[in-house]
Amino acid sequence: MDVKEAVAKAKTYVAEAFAGESLRDLGLEEIRFEEESDAWLITLGFSRSWDAPKIVTNRLGRDLDLNRTYKTLRIADPDGRLLALDDRVPLMADG
């Protein structure tokens, strides 16, 4: 499968897994392909209706929305199966 297919599958999996939670602003954050496991790691971010904006700047000077949820999905390349869905916690600033 190509990268576009992997991202589309990841978005579908998240939308279905969190159905009824009023997801908004679902977007792609990171993509990585792991040769050794023959799997795509796709990180998506989204907000839910109960999230309130709270911005913090990380060590790299990037603003992070602490109430945005990030999930990394591991998707098998040969057949598009979802292998795992994990929290992706952003690195926080010191202090």
Protein backbone atom coordinates (compact mmCIF):
# COMPACT_ATOMS: atom_id res chain seq x y z
CA MET A 1 0.00 0.00 0.00
CA ASP A 2 1.24 3.52 -0.61
CA VAL A 3 1.43 6.31 1.95
CA LYS A 4 -1.87 7.90 0.88
CA GLU A 5 -3.70 4.61 1.43
CA ALA A 6 -2.08 4.17 4.84
CA VAL A 7 -3.12 7.68 5.94
CA ALA A 8 -6.67 7.19 4.67
CA LYS A 9 -6.97 3.88 6.56
CA ALA A 10 -5.62 5.51 9.74
CA LYS A 11 -8.17 8.33 9.52
CA THR A 12 -10.99 5.83 8.97
CA TYR A 13 -9.89 3.71 11.94
CA VAL A 14 -9.77 6.74 14.26
CA ALA A 15 -13.13 8.08 13.07
CA GLU A 16 -14.73 4.67 13.67
CA ALA A 17 -12.99 3.97 17.00
CA PHE A 18 -13.99 7.36 18.43
CA ALA A 19 -17.43 7.59 16.84
CA GLY A 20 -19.85 9.48 19.04
CA GLU A 21 -17.11 11.57 20.68
CA SER A 22 -17.56 14.58 18.38
CA LEU A 23 -14.06 14.54 16.89
CA ARG A 24 -13.02 17.67 15.08
CA ASP A 25 -9.91 18.90 13.32
CA LEU A 26 -8.66 15.38 12.55
CA GLY A 27 -5.30 15.82 10.91
CA LEU A 28 -2.09 14.09 9.97
CA GLU A 29 0.87 14.75 12.25
CA GLU A 30 3.58 12.17 11.45
CA ILE A 31 4.29 9.28 9.08
CA ARG A 32 6.95 6.62 9.38
CA PHE A 33 7.43 3.28 7.66
CA GLU A 34 9.19 0.53 9.60
CA GLU A 35 10.95 -1.84 7.22
CA GLU A 36 11.63 -4.47 9.90
CA SER A 37 7.96 -4.84 10.84
CA ASP A 38 6.55 -3.98 7.39
CA ALA A 39 4.16 -1.50 9.01
CA TRP A 40 3.17 2.14 8.74
CA LEU A 41 3.18 4.31 11.86
CA ILE A 42 0.71 7.12 11.30
CA THR A 43 0.18 9.78 13.98
CA LEU A 44 -3.07 11.73 13.85
CA GLY A 45 -4.20 14.61 16.02
CA PHE A 46 -7.74 15.66 16.84
CA SER A 47 -9.83 17.59 19.33
CA ARG A 48 -13.04 16.63 21.08
CA SER A 49 -15.94 18.88 22.01
CA TRP A 50 -14.95 19.00 25.70
CA ASP A 51 -11.38 20.13 24.96
CA ALA A 52 -10.57 23.73 25.80
CA PRO A 53 -7.53 25.39 24.22
CA LYS A 54 -4.41 25.44 26.40
CA ILE A 55 -1.23 26.29 24.54
CA VAL A 56 2.30 25.53 25.83
CA THR A 57 5.60 25.96 23.97
CA ASN A 58 7.92 22.95 23.82
CA ARG A 59 11.74 22.89 23.84
CA LEU A 60 11.86 23.42 20.09
CA GLY A 61 9.77 26.57 20.31
CA ARG A 62 6.68 24.94 18.85
CA ASP A 63 3.27 25.64 20.32
CA LEU A 64 1.46 22.52 21.55
CA ASP A 65 -2.25 22.33 22.19
CA LEU A 66 -2.29 20.25 25.39
CA ASN A 67 -5.94 19.39 24.94
CA ARG A 68 -5.43 18.01 21.47
CA THR A 69 -5.27 14.22 21.38
CA TYR A 70 -2.56 12.45 19.40
CA LYS A 71 -2.80 8.79 18.42
CA THR A 72 -0.25 6.65 16.60
CA LEU A 73 -1.64 3.81 14.55
CA ARG A 74 0.45 0.86 13.42
CA ILE A 75 -0.97 -0.44 10.16
CA ALA A 76 0.27 -3.61 8.44
CA ASP A 77 1.51 -2.75 4.96
CA PRO A 78 0.49 -5.97 3.20
CA ASP A 79 -3.20 -5.95 4.13
CA GLY A 80 -3.97 -2.65 5.89
CA ARG A 81 -4.89 -4.31 9.21
CA LEU A 82 -4.79 -2.15 12.30
CA LEU A 83 -2.12 -3.66 14.57
CA ALA A 84 -2.12 -1.06 17.34
CA LEU A 85 -3.53 2.33 18.33
CA ASP A 86 -1.46 4.11 20.98
CA ASP A 87 -1.33 7.49 22.69
CA ARG A 88 1.35 9.81 21.33
CA VAL A 89 2.32 12.20 24.11
CA PRO A 90 4.15 15.33 22.87
CA LEU A 91 7.43 16.34 24.52
CA MET A 92 6.85 19.15 26.98
CA ALA A 93 8.93 22.23 27.76
CA ASP A 94 11.09 22.34 30.88
CA GLY A 95 9.93 24.51 33.71
